[in-house]
Every structure is written in C-alpha cells, then in structure tokens.
N, C-alpha and C. Protein backbone atom coordinates (compact mmCIF):
# COMPACT_ATOMS: atom_id res chain seq x y z
N MET A 1 131.21 83.86 68.08
CA MET A 1 130.63 83.95 66.76
C MET A 1 129.23 84.54 66.79
N GLU A 2 128.48 84.12 67.80
CA GLU A 2 127.10 84.57 67.86
C GLU A 2 127.02 86.08 68.11
N GLY A 3 127.91 86.61 68.93
CA GLY A 3 127.92 88.05 69.21
C GLY A 3 128.26 88.86 67.98
N ASN A 4 129.17 88.37 67.16
CA ASN A 4 129.55 89.06 65.94
C ASN A 4 128.39 89.08 64.95
N ASP A 5 127.66 87.97 64.86
CA ASP A 5 126.51 87.88 63.97
C ASP A 5 125.40 88.83 64.43
N HIS A 6 125.22 88.89 65.74
CA HIS A 6 124.21 89.79 66.30
C HIS A 6 124.57 91.26 66.03
N GLY A 7 125.85 91.58 66.14
CA GLY A 7 126.31 92.95 65.87
C GLY A 7 126.11 93.33 64.41
N ALA A 8 126.37 92.41 63.50
CA ALA A 8 126.18 92.68 62.07
C ALA A 8 124.70 92.86 61.76
N LYS A 9 123.85 92.05 62.39
CA LYS A 9 122.41 92.18 62.17
C LYS A 9 121.90 93.52 62.69
N GLN A 10 122.39 93.92 63.85
CA GLN A 10 121.98 95.20 64.42
C GLN A 10 122.47 96.36 63.55
N CYS A 11 123.66 96.24 63.01
CA CYS A 11 124.19 97.27 62.12
C CYS A 11 123.33 97.38 60.86
N ASP A 12 122.92 96.25 60.30
CA ASP A 12 122.06 96.26 59.12
C ASP A 12 120.69 96.88 59.42
N GLU A 13 120.18 96.61 60.62
CA GLU A 13 118.89 97.20 61.00
C GLU A 13 119.00 98.72 61.11
N TRP A 14 120.09 99.20 61.67
CA TRP A 14 120.26 100.65 61.78
C TRP A 14 120.46 101.29 60.41
N LYS A 15 121.12 100.58 59.51
CA LYS A 15 121.26 101.09 58.14
C LYS A 15 119.89 101.22 57.47
N PHE A 16 119.03 100.23 57.70
CA PHE A 16 117.68 100.28 57.13
C PHE A 16 116.89 101.45 57.73
N VAL A 17 116.99 101.64 59.04
CA VAL A 17 116.30 102.76 59.69
C VAL A 17 116.80 104.08 59.12
N SER A 18 118.10 104.20 58.93
CA SER A 18 118.64 105.45 58.39
C SER A 18 118.18 105.69 56.96
N MET A 19 118.07 104.64 56.15
CA MET A 19 117.58 104.80 54.78
C MET A 19 116.13 105.25 54.76
N VAL A 20 115.30 104.67 55.63
CA VAL A 20 113.89 105.05 55.71
C VAL A 20 113.76 106.50 56.16
N LEU A 21 114.51 106.87 57.18
CA LEU A 21 114.46 108.24 57.68
C LEU A 21 114.96 109.23 56.64
N ASP A 22 116.01 108.87 55.92
CA ASP A 22 116.54 109.73 54.87
C ASP A 22 115.50 109.95 53.78
N ARG A 23 114.82 108.89 53.37
CA ARG A 23 113.80 109.01 52.33
C ARG A 23 112.62 109.85 52.81
N LEU A 24 112.22 109.67 54.06
CA LEU A 24 111.12 110.44 54.63
C LEU A 24 111.46 111.93 54.66
N LEU A 25 112.67 112.25 55.09
CA LEU A 25 113.08 113.65 55.14
C LEU A 25 113.22 114.25 53.74
N LEU A 26 113.61 113.44 52.77
CA LEU A 26 113.66 113.91 51.38
C LEU A 26 112.27 114.30 50.89
N TYR A 27 111.27 113.46 51.19
CA TYR A 27 109.90 113.77 50.78
C TYR A 27 109.39 115.02 51.49
N ILE A 28 109.70 115.18 52.75
CA ILE A 28 109.27 116.37 53.49
C ILE A 28 109.93 117.62 52.90
N PHE A 29 111.22 117.54 52.60
CA PHE A 29 111.93 118.67 52.00
C PHE A 29 111.34 119.02 50.64
N PHE A 30 111.07 118.01 49.82
CA PHE A 30 110.50 118.25 48.50
C PHE A 30 109.12 118.91 48.60
N ALA A 31 108.30 118.43 49.52
CA ALA A 31 106.95 119.00 49.69
C ALA A 31 107.03 120.44 50.17
N ALA A 32 107.93 120.72 51.10
CA ALA A 32 108.07 122.09 51.61
C ALA A 32 108.58 123.03 50.53
N THR A 33 109.54 122.57 49.74
CA THR A 33 110.08 123.40 48.66
C THR A 33 109.03 123.66 47.59
N LEU A 34 108.31 122.63 47.20
CA LEU A 34 107.27 122.78 46.19
C LEU A 34 106.15 123.68 46.70
N GLY A 35 105.74 123.47 47.95
CA GLY A 35 104.69 124.31 48.53
C GLY A 35 105.10 125.77 48.63
N GLY A 36 106.33 126.01 49.02
CA GLY A 36 106.82 127.39 49.10
C GLY A 36 106.89 128.06 47.74
N THR A 37 107.34 127.32 46.74
CA THR A 37 107.42 127.87 45.39
C THR A 37 106.03 128.21 44.85
N VAL A 38 105.10 127.30 45.00
CA VAL A 38 103.73 127.54 44.54
C VAL A 38 103.12 128.70 45.32
N GLY A 39 103.36 128.76 46.62
CA GLY A 39 102.83 129.84 47.43
C GLY A 39 103.35 131.20 47.00
N VAL A 40 104.63 131.29 46.70
CA VAL A 40 105.20 132.56 46.26
C VAL A 40 104.65 132.96 44.90
N LEU A 41 104.53 131.99 43.99
CA LEU A 41 104.03 132.31 42.66
C LEU A 41 102.58 132.79 42.70
N PHE A 42 101.74 132.15 43.51
CA PHE A 42 100.34 132.54 43.54
C PHE A 42 100.09 133.78 44.38
N SER A 43 101.02 134.16 45.24
CA SER A 43 100.82 135.37 46.03
C SER A 43 101.37 136.61 45.32
N ALA A 44 102.15 136.43 44.27
CA ALA A 44 102.67 137.57 43.52
C ALA A 44 101.52 138.23 42.77
N PRO A 45 101.43 139.56 42.83
CA PRO A 45 100.25 140.23 42.27
C PRO A 45 100.15 140.23 40.74
N ASN A 46 101.26 140.26 40.04
CA ASN A 46 101.19 140.43 38.59
C ASN A 46 101.74 139.27 37.79
N VAL A 47 101.87 138.12 38.36
CA VAL A 47 102.49 137.01 37.65
C VAL A 47 101.60 136.51 36.52
N PHE A 48 100.30 136.42 36.76
CA PHE A 48 99.41 135.83 35.78
C PHE A 48 98.55 136.87 35.04
N GLU A 49 98.86 138.14 35.21
CA GLU A 49 98.09 139.18 34.53
C GLU A 49 98.81 139.61 33.26
N TYR A 50 98.02 139.92 32.23
CA TYR A 50 98.59 140.46 31.00
C TYR A 50 98.71 141.97 31.16
N VAL A 51 99.87 142.50 30.85
CA VAL A 51 100.10 143.94 30.94
C VAL A 51 100.37 144.45 29.54
N ASP A 52 99.56 145.41 29.11
CA ASP A 52 99.76 146.04 27.80
C ASP A 52 100.87 147.08 27.95
N GLN A 53 102.08 146.70 27.59
CA GLN A 53 103.23 147.57 27.82
C GLN A 53 103.18 148.82 26.96
N ALA A 54 102.64 148.74 25.78
CA ALA A 54 102.55 149.92 24.92
C ALA A 54 101.65 150.97 25.56
N ALA A 55 100.54 150.55 26.17
CA ALA A 55 99.64 151.49 26.83
C ALA A 55 100.31 152.11 28.06
N VAL A 56 101.06 151.33 28.79
CA VAL A 56 101.75 151.85 29.97
C VAL A 56 102.79 152.89 29.56
N ILE A 57 103.54 152.61 28.51
CA ILE A 57 104.56 153.55 28.04
C ILE A 57 103.90 154.83 27.55
N GLU A 58 102.78 154.71 26.86
CA GLU A 58 102.08 155.90 26.37
C GLU A 58 101.58 156.76 27.53
N LYS A 59 101.05 156.15 28.57
CA LYS A 59 100.60 156.90 29.74
C LYS A 59 101.77 157.61 30.42
N LEU A 60 102.91 156.95 30.50
CA LEU A 60 104.08 157.58 31.11
C LEU A 60 104.58 158.76 30.27
N LYS A 61 104.54 158.61 28.95
CA LYS A 61 104.94 159.72 28.07
C LYS A 61 104.01 160.91 28.25
N GLN A 62 102.71 160.65 28.32
CA GLN A 62 101.75 161.74 28.51
C GLN A 62 101.95 162.41 29.86
N ALA A 63 102.22 161.63 30.89
CA ALA A 63 102.46 162.20 32.22
C ALA A 63 103.73 163.04 32.22
N ALA A 64 104.75 162.63 31.48
CA ALA A 64 105.99 163.40 31.40
C ALA A 64 105.75 164.71 30.67
N VAL A 65 104.95 164.69 29.61
CA VAL A 65 104.64 165.92 28.87
C VAL A 65 103.86 166.88 29.75
N VAL A 66 102.88 166.38 30.48
CA VAL A 66 102.08 167.22 31.37
C VAL A 66 102.97 167.83 32.45
N GLU A 67 103.88 167.06 32.98
CA GLU A 67 104.77 167.56 34.04
C GLU A 67 105.71 168.62 33.49
N GLN A 68 106.19 168.44 32.25
CA GLN A 68 107.08 169.44 31.65
C GLN A 68 106.32 170.74 31.41
N ASN A 69 105.07 170.64 30.96
CA ASN A 69 104.27 171.83 30.68
C ASN A 69 103.93 172.60 31.95
N THR A 70 103.70 171.92 33.04
CA THR A 70 103.33 172.60 34.28
C THR A 70 104.54 173.16 35.01
N SER A 71 105.71 172.57 34.83
CA SER A 71 106.88 173.04 35.57
C SER A 71 107.64 174.12 34.81
N GLY A 72 107.46 174.22 33.56
CA GLY A 72 108.33 175.16 32.88
C GLY A 72 107.68 175.88 31.82
C-alpha cells in the first residue's frame, strides 16, 4: 500500500512540475512573439509616416510626361 501511495504522490509532483514548466514556456513564447512583432513594426521605415498620396501621384504623372517628351 505504501509503495502505491508513494507512486501516486510522485506522479502528482511530476504533473505539477510539468504545469509550471508549461506556463513558463508559454510566457517565454508570448514575450518573444510580442517582442518580435513590436521590433518589426518599429523597424519598418514608413509605418508611422503620413504619405500624401495625391502629391506622389502628381509627381509620377509629371515624370511620365517628361519621359514621353524626351523619348519621342
């Protein structure tokens, strides 16, 4: 009887260790994922800049007209 009780106690202890380790690895995974996401967003050059699309389109139109005039 005593050996069976000892085995059950040891099994419960290993279950507790596995739950703690699982939770720890979950936190590490979450931190790495969040850190990577924030790192990618802040390293992107144009994520937080305002781009005046109308001005960009106008410049491209002018460049196309200049190129047409010089080539033909």
